[in-house]
């Protein structure tokens, strides 16, 4: 299942309530907090406890992928 633009537009980070980057229907990413939220079977899992921290190198890769997808 692909997350459509309208759903993506209304999704927000549960921690800081800001917008999230959609990375190829794999994850939703908060570049401000460097937190990645999984997408499982097409369903975003926006639970703070299920998010993972992202290091510097992975952050750069994720942001580059998001920019390339625009």
PDB file of N, CA and C in Angstrom:
ATOM      1  N   UNK A   1       0.844  -1.187   0.000  1.00  0.00           N
ATOM      2  CA  UNK A   1       0.000   0.000   0.000  1.00  0.00           C
ATOM      3  C   UNK A   1       0.883   1.242   0.000  1.00  0.00           C
ATOM      4  N   UNK A   2       0.566   2.171  -0.847  1.00  0.00           N
ATOM      5  CA  UNK A   2       1.328   3.408  -0.958  1.00  0.00           C
ATOM      6  C   UNK A   2       0.596   4.505  -0.189  1.00  0.00           C
ATOM      7  N   UNK A   3       1.364   5.271   0.568  1.00  0.00           N
ATOM      8  CA  UNK A   3       0.781   6.394   1.307  1.00  0.00           C
ATOM      9  C   UNK A   3       0.513   7.516   0.322  1.00  0.00           C
ATOM     10  N   UNK A   4      -0.746   7.936   0.230  1.00  0.00           N
ATOM     11  CA  UNK A   4      -1.063   8.983  -0.736  1.00  0.00           C
ATOM     12  C   UNK A   4      -0.711  10.364  -0.183  1.00  0.00           C
ATOM     13  N   UNK A   5      -0.716  11.337  -1.073  1.00  0.00           N
ATOM     14  CA  UNK A   5      -0.269  12.688  -0.725  1.00  0.00           C
ATOM     15  C   UNK A   5      -1.126  13.321   0.364  1.00  0.00           C
ATOM     16  N   UNK A   6      -2.430  13.072   0.337  1.00  0.00           N
ATOM     17  CA  UNK A   6      -3.310  13.683   1.338  1.00  0.00           C
ATOM     18  C   UNK A   6      -3.020  13.123   2.733  1.00  0.00           C
ATOM     19  N   UNK A   7      -2.829  11.824   2.837  1.00  0.00           N
ATOM     20  CA  UNK A   7      -2.488  11.232   4.124  1.00  0.00           C
ATOM     21  C   UNK A   7      -1.138  11.751   4.610  1.00  0.00           C
ATOM     22  N   UNK A   8      -0.162  11.791   3.716  1.00  0.00           N
ATOM     23  CA  UNK A   8       1.159  12.289   4.089  1.00  0.00           C
ATOM     24  C   UNK A   8       1.088  13.728   4.591  1.00  0.00           C
ATOM     25  N   UNK A   9       0.244  14.518   3.970  1.00  0.00           N
ATOM     26  CA  UNK A   9       0.104  15.930   4.341  1.00  0.00           C
ATOM     27  C   UNK A   9      -0.394  16.093   5.773  1.00  0.00           C
ATOM     28  N   UNK A  10      -1.238  15.190   6.257  1.00  0.00           N
ATOM     29  CA  UNK A  10      -1.804  15.356   7.595  1.00  0.00           C
ATOM     30  C   UNK A  10      -1.015  14.615   8.687  1.00  0.00           C
ATOM     31  N   UNK A  11      -0.095  13.738   8.286  1.00  0.00           N
ATOM     32  CA  UNK A  11       0.705  13.034   9.283  1.00  0.00           C
ATOM     33  C   UNK A  11       1.707  13.982   9.932  1.00  0.00           C
ATOM     34  N   UNK A  12       1.918  13.809  11.221  1.00  0.00           N
ATOM     35  CA  UNK A  12       2.872  14.652  11.947  1.00  0.00           C
ATOM     36  C   UNK A  12       3.637  13.795  12.945  1.00  0.00           C
ATOM     37  N   UNK A  13       4.807  14.259  13.286  1.00  0.00           N
ATOM     38  CA  UNK A  13       5.618  13.574  14.291  1.00  0.00           C
ATOM     39  C   UNK A  13       4.889  13.628  15.636  1.00  0.00           C
ATOM     40  N   UNK A  14       4.742  12.496  16.304  1.00  0.00           N
ATOM     41  CA  UNK A  14       4.048  12.515  17.597  1.00  0.00           C
ATOM     42  C   UNK A  14       4.852  13.212  18.694  1.00  0.00           C
ATOM     43  N   UNK A  15       6.130  13.410  18.447  1.00  0.00           N
ATOM     44  CA  UNK A  15       6.980  14.021  19.465  1.00  0.00           C
ATOM     45  C   UNK A  15       6.979  15.550  19.379  1.00  0.00           C
ATOM     46  N   UNK A  16       7.256  16.103  18.193  1.00  0.00           N
ATOM     47  CA  UNK A  16       7.316  17.566  18.083  1.00  0.00           C
ATOM     48  C   UNK A  16       6.191  18.160  17.225  1.00  0.00           C
ATOM     49  N   UNK A  17       5.305  17.305  16.738  1.00  0.00           N
ATOM     50  CA  UNK A  17       4.111  17.705  15.968  1.00  0.00           C
ATOM     51  C   UNK A  17       4.438  18.353  14.620  1.00  0.00           C
ATOM     52  N   UNK A  18       5.679  18.217  14.157  1.00  0.00           N
ATOM     53  CA  UNK A  18       6.092  18.801  12.884  1.00  0.00           C
ATOM     54  C   UNK A  18       5.911  17.830  11.732  1.00  0.00           C
ATOM     55  N   UNK A  19       6.128  18.301  10.509  1.00  0.00           N
ATOM     56  CA  UNK A  19       5.967  17.455   9.324  1.00  0.00           C
ATOM     57  C   UNK A  19       7.044  16.375   9.248  1.00  0.00           C
ATOM     58  N   UNK A  20       6.716  15.325   8.514  1.00  0.00           N
ATOM     59  CA  UNK A  20       7.619  14.196   8.333  1.00  0.00           C
ATOM     60  C   UNK A  20       7.944  14.023   6.857  1.00  0.00           C
ATOM     61  N   UNK A  21       9.146  13.569   6.577  1.00  0.00           N
ATOM     62  CA  UNK A  21       9.531  13.230   5.212  1.00  0.00           C
ATOM     63  C   UNK A  21       9.120  11.786   4.953  1.00  0.00           C
ATOM     64  N   UNK A  22       8.504  11.544   3.810  1.00  0.00           N
ATOM     65  CA  UNK A  22       8.154  10.187   3.396  1.00  0.00           C
ATOM     66  C   UNK A  22       9.285   9.658   2.536  1.00  0.00           C
ATOM     67  N   UNK A  23       9.865   8.541   2.954  1.00  0.00           N
ATOM     68  CA  UNK A  23      10.983   7.947   2.238  1.00  0.00           C
ATOM     69  C   UNK A  23      10.518   6.646   1.603  1.00  0.00           C
ATOM     70  N   UNK A  24      10.138   6.748   0.334  1.00  0.00           N
ATOM     71  CA  UNK A  24       9.764   5.616  -0.525  1.00  0.00           C
ATOM     72  C   UNK A  24       8.896   4.570   0.159  1.00  0.00           C
ATOM     73  N   UNK A  25       7.885   4.962   0.866  1.00  0.00           N
ATOM     74  CA  UNK A  25       6.972   4.044   1.548  1.00  0.00           C
ATOM     75  C   UNK A  25       7.693   3.053   2.447  1.00  0.00           C
ATOM     76  N   UNK A  26       8.913   3.422   2.895  1.00  0.00           N
ATOM     77  CA  UNK A  26       9.680   2.591   3.825  1.00  0.00           C
ATOM     78  C   UNK A  26       9.616   3.145   5.238  1.00  0.00           C
ATOM     79  N   UNK A  27       9.684   4.481   5.326  1.00  0.00           N
ATOM     80  CA  UNK A  27       9.681   5.104   6.643  1.00  0.00           C
ATOM     81  C   UNK A  27       9.261   6.554   6.539  1.00  0.00           C
ATOM     82  N   UNK A  28       8.865   7.085   7.677  1.00  0.00           N
ATOM     83  CA  UNK A  28       8.606   8.510   7.826  1.00  0.00           C
ATOM     84  C   UNK A  28       9.728   9.044   8.699  1.00  0.00           C
ATOM     85  N   UNK A  29      10.269  10.197   8.304  1.00  0.00           N
ATOM     86  CA  UNK A  29      11.477  10.688   8.967  1.00  0.00           C
ATOM     87  C   UNK A  29      11.300  12.114   9.447  1.00  0.00           C
ATOM     88  N   UNK A  30      11.719  12.346  10.693  1.00  0.00           N
ATOM     89  CA  UNK A  30      11.743  13.681  11.270  1.00  0.00           C
ATOM     90  C   UNK A  30      13.198  14.147  11.280  1.00  0.00           C
ATOM     91  N   UNK A  31      13.582  15.017  10.343  1.00  0.00           N
ATOM     92  CA  UNK A  31      14.983  15.457  10.279  1.00  0.00           C
ATOM     93  C   UNK A  31      15.370  16.387  11.437  1.00  0.00           C
ATOM     94  N   UNK A  32      14.408  17.003  12.076  1.00  0.00           N
ATOM     95  CA  UNK A  32      14.718  17.909  13.192  1.00  0.00           C
ATOM     96  C   UNK A  32      15.191  17.125  14.414  1.00  0.00           C
ATOM     97  N   UNK A  33      14.545  16.002  14.682  1.00  0.00           N
ATOM     98  CA  UNK A  33      14.900  15.167  15.835  1.00  0.00           C
ATOM     99  C   UNK A  33      15.736  13.958  15.444  1.00  0.00           C
ATOM    100  N   UNK A  34      15.902  13.766  14.123  1.00  0.00           N
ATOM    101  CA  UNK A  34      16.626  12.599  13.589  1.00  0.00           C
ATOM    102  C   UNK A  34      16.031  11.300  14.119  1.00  0.00           C
ATOM    103  N   UNK A  35      14.707  11.183  13.900  1.00  0.00           N
ATOM    104  CA  UNK A  35      13.969  10.004  14.328  1.00  0.00           C
ATOM    105  C   UNK A  35      13.252   9.418  13.114  1.00  0.00           C
ATOM    106  N   UNK A  36      13.338   8.096  12.958  1.00  0.00           N
ATOM    107  CA  UNK A  36      12.703   7.391  11.849  1.00  0.00           C
ATOM    108  C   UNK A  36      11.563   6.534  12.381  1.00  0.00           C
ATOM    109  N   UNK A  37      10.411   6.668  11.752  1.00  0.00           N
ATOM    110  CA  UNK A  37       9.226   5.902  12.110  1.00  0.00           C
ATOM    111  C   UNK A  37       8.979   4.871  11.007  1.00  0.00           C
ATOM    112  N   UNK A  38       8.787   3.612  11.367  1.00  0.00           N
ATOM    113  CA  UNK A  38       8.608   2.579  10.346  1.00  0.00           C
ATOM    114  C   UNK A  38       7.231   2.647   9.682  1.00  0.00           C
ATOM    115  N   UNK A  39       7.169   2.083   8.492  1.00  0.00           N
ATOM    116  CA  UNK A  39       5.901   1.839   7.805  1.00  0.00           C
ATOM    117  C   UNK A  39       5.830   0.331   7.644  1.00  0.00           C
ATOM    118  N   UNK A  40       4.841  -0.281   8.270  1.00  0.00           N
ATOM    119  CA  UNK A  40       4.704  -1.733   8.247  1.00  0.00           C
ATOM    120  C   UNK A  40       3.435  -2.120   7.502  1.00  0.00           C
ATOM    121  N   UNK A  41       3.600  -2.893   6.439  1.00  0.00           N
ATOM    122  CA  UNK A  41       2.472  -3.324   5.605  1.00  0.00           C
ATOM    123  C   UNK A  41       1.645  -2.127   5.138  1.00  0.00           C
ATOM    124  N   UNK A  42       2.327  -1.032   4.815  1.00  0.00           N
ATOM    125  CA  UNK A  42       1.659   0.160   4.304  1.00  0.00           C
ATOM    126  C   UNK A  42       1.043   1.047   5.366  1.00  0.00           C
ATOM    127  N   UNK A  43       1.244   0.702   6.639  1.00  0.00           N
ATOM    128  CA  UNK A  43       0.647   1.469   7.727  1.00  0.00           C
ATOM    129  C   UNK A  43       1.748   2.173   8.524  1.00  0.00           C
ATOM    130  N   UNK A  44       1.697   3.512   8.602  1.00  0.00           N
ATOM    131  CA  UNK A  44       2.697   4.242   9.386  1.00  0.00           C
ATOM    132  C   UNK A  44       2.556   3.904  10.872  1.00  0.00           C
ATOM    133  N   UNK A  45       3.662   3.607  11.508  1.00  0.00           N
ATOM    134  CA  UNK A  45       3.680   3.313  12.942  1.00  0.00           C
ATOM    135  C   UNK A  45       4.267   4.542  13.635  1.00  0.00           C
ATOM    136  N   UNK A  46       3.387   5.423  14.068  1.00  0.00           N
ATOM    137  CA  UNK A  46       3.821   6.699  14.649  1.00  0.00           C
ATOM    138  C   UNK A  46       3.777   6.649  16.171  1.00  0.00           C
ATOM    139  N   UNK A  47       4.458   5.670  16.717  1.00  0.00           N
ATOM    140  CA  UNK A  47       4.592   5.540  18.163  1.00  0.00           C
ATOM    141  C   UNK A  47       6.013   5.932  18.546  1.00  0.00           C
ATOM    142  N   UNK A  48       6.143   6.812  19.503  1.00  0.00           N
ATOM    143  CA  UNK A  48       7.463   7.293  19.906  1.00  0.00           C
ATOM    144  C   UNK A  48       8.369   6.129  20.285  1.00  0.00           C
ATOM    145  N   UNK A  49       7.836   5.156  20.987  1.00  0.00           N
ATOM    146  CA  UNK A  49       8.643   4.019  21.428  1.00  0.00           C
ATOM    147  C   UNK A  49       9.106   3.121  20.278  1.00  0.00           C
ATOM    148  N   UNK A  50       8.418   3.170  19.131  1.00  0.00           N
ATOM    149  CA  UNK A  50       8.803   2.350  17.984  1.00  0.00           C
ATOM    150  C   UNK A  50       9.730   3.067  17.012  1.00  0.00           C
ATOM    151  N   UNK A  51       9.946   4.356  17.221  1.00  0.00           N
ATOM    152  CA  UNK A  51      10.858   5.119  16.365  1.00  0.00           C
ATOM    153  C   UNK A  51      12.293   4.779  16.747  1.00  0.00           C
ATOM    154  N   UNK A  52      13.193   5.037  15.803  1.00  0.00           N
ATOM    155  CA  UNK A  52      14.608   4.799  16.099  1.00  0.00           C
ATOM    156  C   UNK A  52      15.403   6.063  15.803  1.00  0.00           C
ATOM    157  N   UNK A  53      16.479   6.226  16.547  1.00  0.00           N
ATOM    158  CA  UNK A  53      17.381   7.357  16.329  1.00  0.00           C
ATOM    159  C   UNK A  53      18.223   7.087  15.090  1.00  0.00           C
ATOM    160  N   UNK A  54      18.570   8.154  14.395  1.00  0.00           N
ATOM    161  CA  UNK A  54      19.345   8.062  13.161  1.00  0.00           C
ATOM    162  C   UNK A  54      20.649   8.818  13.351  1.00  0.00           C
ATOM    163  N   UNK A  55      21.755   8.183  12.984  1.00  0.00           N
ATOM    164  CA  UNK A  55      23.063   8.808  13.073  1.00  0.00           C
ATOM    165  C   UNK A  55      23.322   9.778  11.930  1.00  0.00           C
ATOM    166  N   UNK A  56      24.453  10.447  11.991  1.00  0.00           N
ATOM    167  CA  UNK A  56      24.808  11.488  11.016  1.00  0.00           C
ATOM    168  C   UNK A  56      24.831  10.977   9.575  1.00  0.00           C
ATOM    169  N   UNK A  57      25.514   9.865   9.318  1.00  0.00           N
ATOM    170  CA  UNK A  57      25.636   9.344   7.955  1.00  0.00           C
ATOM    171  C   UNK A  57      24.281   8.923   7.400  1.00  0.00           C
ATOM    172  N   UNK A  58      23.479   8.236   8.213  1.00  0.00           N
ATOM    173  CA  UNK A  58      22.158   7.816   7.746  1.00  0.00           C
ATOM    174  C   UNK A  58      21.248   9.018   7.543  1.00  0.00           C
ATOM    175  N   UNK A  59      21.353  10.015   8.403  1.00  0.00           N
ATOM    176  CA  UNK A  59      20.568  11.243   8.252  1.00  0.00           C
ATOM    177  C   UNK A  59      20.841  11.876   6.882  1.00  0.00           C
ATOM    178  N   UNK A  60      22.132  12.006   6.542  1.00  0.00           N
ATOM    179  CA  UNK A  60      22.497  12.592   5.254  1.00  0.00           C
ATOM    180  C   UNK A  60      21.925  11.782   4.095  1.00  0.00           C
ATOM    181  N   UNK A  61      21.962  10.462   4.195  1.00  0.00           N
ATOM    182  CA  UNK A  61      21.429   9.591   3.146  1.00  0.00           C
ATOM    183  C   UNK A  61      19.912   9.748   3.014  1.00  0.00           C
ATOM    184  N   UNK A  62      19.213   9.760   4.141  1.00  0.00           N
ATOM    185  CA  UNK A  62      17.749   9.891   4.107  1.00  0.00           C
ATOM    186  C   UNK A  62      17.329  11.227   3.520  1.00  0.00           C
ATOM    187  N   UNK A  63      17.988  12.301   3.937  1.00  0.00           N
ATOM    188  CA  UNK A  63      17.644  13.630   3.417  1.00  0.00           C
ATOM    189  C   UNK A  63      17.922  13.700   1.920  1.00  0.00           C
ATOM    190  N   UNK A  64      19.035  13.114   1.475  1.00  0.00           N
ATOM    191  CA  UNK A  64      19.359  13.093   0.040  1.00  0.00           C
ATOM    192  C   UNK A  64      18.287  12.328  -0.745  1.00  0.00           C
ATOM    193  N   UNK A  65      17.825  11.204  -0.188  1.00  0.00           N
ATOM    194  CA  UNK A  65      16.768  10.441  -0.852  1.00  0.00           C
ATOM    195  C   UNK A  65      15.483  11.239  -0.940  1.00  0.00           C
ATOM    196  N   UNK A  66      15.155  11.980   0.111  1.00  0.00           N
ATOM    197  CA  UNK A  66      13.939  12.784   0.117  1.00  0.00           C
ATOM    198  C   UNK A  66      14.016  13.903  -0.915  1.00  0.00           C
ATOM    199  N   UNK A  67      15.169  14.541  -1.021  1.00  0.00           N
ATOM    200  CA  UNK A  67      15.356  15.620  -1.992  1.00  0.00           C
ATOM    201  C   UNK A  67      15.277  15.062  -3.422  1.00  0.00           C
ATOM    202  N   UNK A  68      15.873  13.910  -3.646  1.00  0.00           N
ATOM    203  CA  UNK A  68      15.859  13.296  -4.977  1.00  0.00           C
ATOM    204  C   UNK A  68      14.454  12.888  -5.397  1.00  0.00           C
ATOM    205  N   UNK A  69      13.612  12.551  -4.434  1.00  0.00           N
ATOM    206  CA  UNK A  69      12.246  12.105  -4.736  1.00  0.00           C
ATOM    207  C   UNK A  69      11.304  13.268  -5.057  1.00  0.00           C
ATOM    208  N   UNK A  70      11.699  14.492  -4.732  1.00  0.00           N
ATOM    209  CA  UNK A  70      10.813  15.660  -4.960  1.00  0.00           C
ATOM    210  C   UNK A  70      10.645  15.982  -6.399  1.00  0.00           C
TER     211      UNK A  70
END
